Amino acid sequence: QLQLVESGGGLVQSGGSLRLSCVASKFTLDSYTIAWFRQAPGKERDWVSCISRGDVSIYYTASVKGRFTISRDNAKNTVYLLMNSLKPEDTAVYYCAAQWHYYCSEHILKTDFDSWGQGTQVTVSS
């Protein structure tokens, strides 16, 4: 059973920054495609960013492009999501997800991923 643990969430003012971490156990992250999703209260869980296995491609949803950066540190078996210029509309629970034999695209669905972390809350105050 793949295990993912997110951390790094918190309360930040608008315009601030946070770095989320997704640490894997019982498997090697660099063999998997990893995506970050977020879910605000009463809304669907939507993808935010995706980094393909082997880092061959990276995608961002339009609303975070230019503000968020996804990266992978294989030595630490960790994928990061650096979030700059945060806005109140970025407030959500953020989840990382892993999938084998999958490559990112501009059309990513939560159903594309089998393994999920428990989520970390990000709250941006105005």
Foldseek 3Di string as FASTA:
>chain_A
DKAKAKDFADEEAQQAKIKMKIAIPPDQLLQWKKWKWWDDPPDDIGTAKIAGRVRPDIDGAPVQPPFWDWDDDRVRSMIMIIGGRDDQVVWTWMKMFIDHPDGDDNDDDPVRGDGIYPTDTHGYHD
